[in-house]
Each structure stands twice: as structure tokens, then as C-alpha cells.
Amino acid sequence: YLLQALSASLQLIRMRSRRPTDIETFSDTGLQAVEHGRKLVTRLLSSVSQDGPELICIDVSEKLDAARDLLQRSEA
């Protein structure tokens, strides 16, 4: 429910913004983060429902690079 609420809020921001270029960029980044979270939660839930957790390797630097834009904007 949390990701759905975030997604809906970001979509409303995009639709009702006065400065569409700025807000669209922010909401797009937020929606991407929501989508990444949704995929992660789906994977976690599916691995728990199977015989046991399945360990996978991820490239942390790749994930951080994908979130770099969001992280830099959150500093401002």
C-alpha cells in the first residue's frame, strides 16, 4: 500500500504542477524509485513463499548509479 500511495501522489504532482519541467523530472525519478521498490518487494515475497530464500548477487554500484540523480536532488 505504501508504494501505491507514493506512486499516486507523485502522479498527482506531475499532473497539477505549475512548473511542469521541474516537477516532471522529480516525479519521474520518484516513480522510478517506486517501481524499483515494487520489483524488490515482489522478489522478496516470491522468495519467501518458495522453499526458502534464494540468495542473488547484485551490483551495488549499478543500483547506486541508478539512484544517484534522486540522491543528489535530496541534498538540495
Protein backbone atom coordinates (compact mmCIF):
# COMPACT_ATOMS: atom_id res chain seq x y z
CA TYR A 1 0.00 0.00 0.00
CA LEU A 2 2.87 2.35 0.75
CA LEU A 3 4.28 2.15 -2.77
CA GLN A 4 0.82 2.66 -4.26
CA ALA A 5 0.30 5.79 -2.16
CA LEU A 6 3.70 7.17 -3.17
CA SER A 7 3.05 6.41 -6.81
CA ALA A 8 -0.37 8.06 -6.78
CA SER A 9 0.98 11.15 -5.01
CA LEU A 10 3.82 11.55 -7.50
CA GLN A 11 1.42 11.15 -10.41
CA LEU A 12 -0.85 13.86 -8.98
CA ILE A 13 2.14 16.17 -8.52
CA ARG A 14 3.04 15.65 -12.16
CA MET A 15 -0.49 16.41 -13.36
CA ARG A 16 -1.07 19.52 -11.24
CA SER A 17 2.31 21.20 -11.21
CA ARG A 18 2.82 24.84 -12.12
CA ARG A 19 6.39 24.26 -13.28
CA PRO A 20 5.92 21.07 -15.25
CA THR A 21 9.54 20.63 -16.31
CA ASP A 22 10.91 20.68 -12.76
CA ILE A 23 8.11 18.70 -11.18
CA GLU A 24 8.00 16.20 -14.03
CA THR A 25 11.69 15.44 -13.53
CA PHE A 26 11.23 14.99 -9.78
CA SER A 27 8.12 12.86 -10.15
CA ASP A 28 9.74 10.70 -12.84
CA THR A 29 12.66 9.99 -10.52
CA GLY A 30 10.29 9.24 -7.66
CA LEU A 31 8.19 6.94 -9.83
CA GLN A 32 11.31 5.09 -10.90
CA ALA A 33 12.21 4.60 -7.24
CA VAL A 34 8.70 3.31 -6.56
CA GLU A 35 8.99 0.86 -9.45
CA HIS A 36 12.36 -0.39 -8.18
CA GLY A 37 10.80 -0.83 -4.74
CA ARG A 38 7.83 -2.69 -6.20
CA LYS A 39 10.12 -5.10 -8.05
CA LEU A 40 12.21 -5.65 -4.94
CA VAL A 41 9.17 -6.35 -2.76
CA THR A 42 7.80 -8.75 -5.39
CA ARG A 43 11.10 -10.63 -5.48
CA LEU A 44 11.31 -10.76 -1.70
CA LEU A 45 7.76 -12.03 -1.33
CA SER A 46 8.19 -14.68 -4.02
CA SER A 47 11.41 -15.96 -2.49
CA VAL A 48 9.83 -16.23 0.95
CA SER A 49 6.84 -18.14 -0.38
CA GLN A 50 9.07 -20.77 -2.02
CA ASP A 51 11.13 -23.39 -0.20
CA GLY A 52 13.37 -20.76 1.30
CA PRO A 53 15.16 -17.55 0.49
CA GLU A 54 17.17 -17.55 -2.72
CA LEU A 55 20.34 -15.54 -2.50
CA ILE A 56 21.24 -13.45 -5.51
CA CYS A 57 24.20 -11.22 -6.21
CA ILE A 58 23.53 -7.63 -7.17
CA ASP A 59 25.81 -4.91 -8.42
CA VAL A 60 25.50 -2.31 -5.65
CA SER A 61 27.35 0.35 -7.65
CA GLU A 62 24.88 -0.12 -10.51
CA LYS A 63 21.95 0.38 -8.13
CA LEU A 64 23.58 3.47 -6.60
CA ASP A 65 24.29 4.91 -10.05
CA ALA A 66 20.61 4.43 -10.90
CA ALA A 67 19.61 6.33 -7.73
CA ARG A 68 22.34 8.99 -7.97
CA ASP A 69 20.04 11.62 -9.50
CA LEU A 70 17.48 11.18 -6.73
CA LEU A 71 20.16 11.24 -4.04
CA GLN A 72 21.77 14.41 -5.42
CA ARG A 73 18.42 16.21 -5.54
CA SER A 74 17.59 15.18 -2.00
CA GLU A 75 20.72 17.00 -0.78
CA ALA A 76 19.49 20.33 -2.14
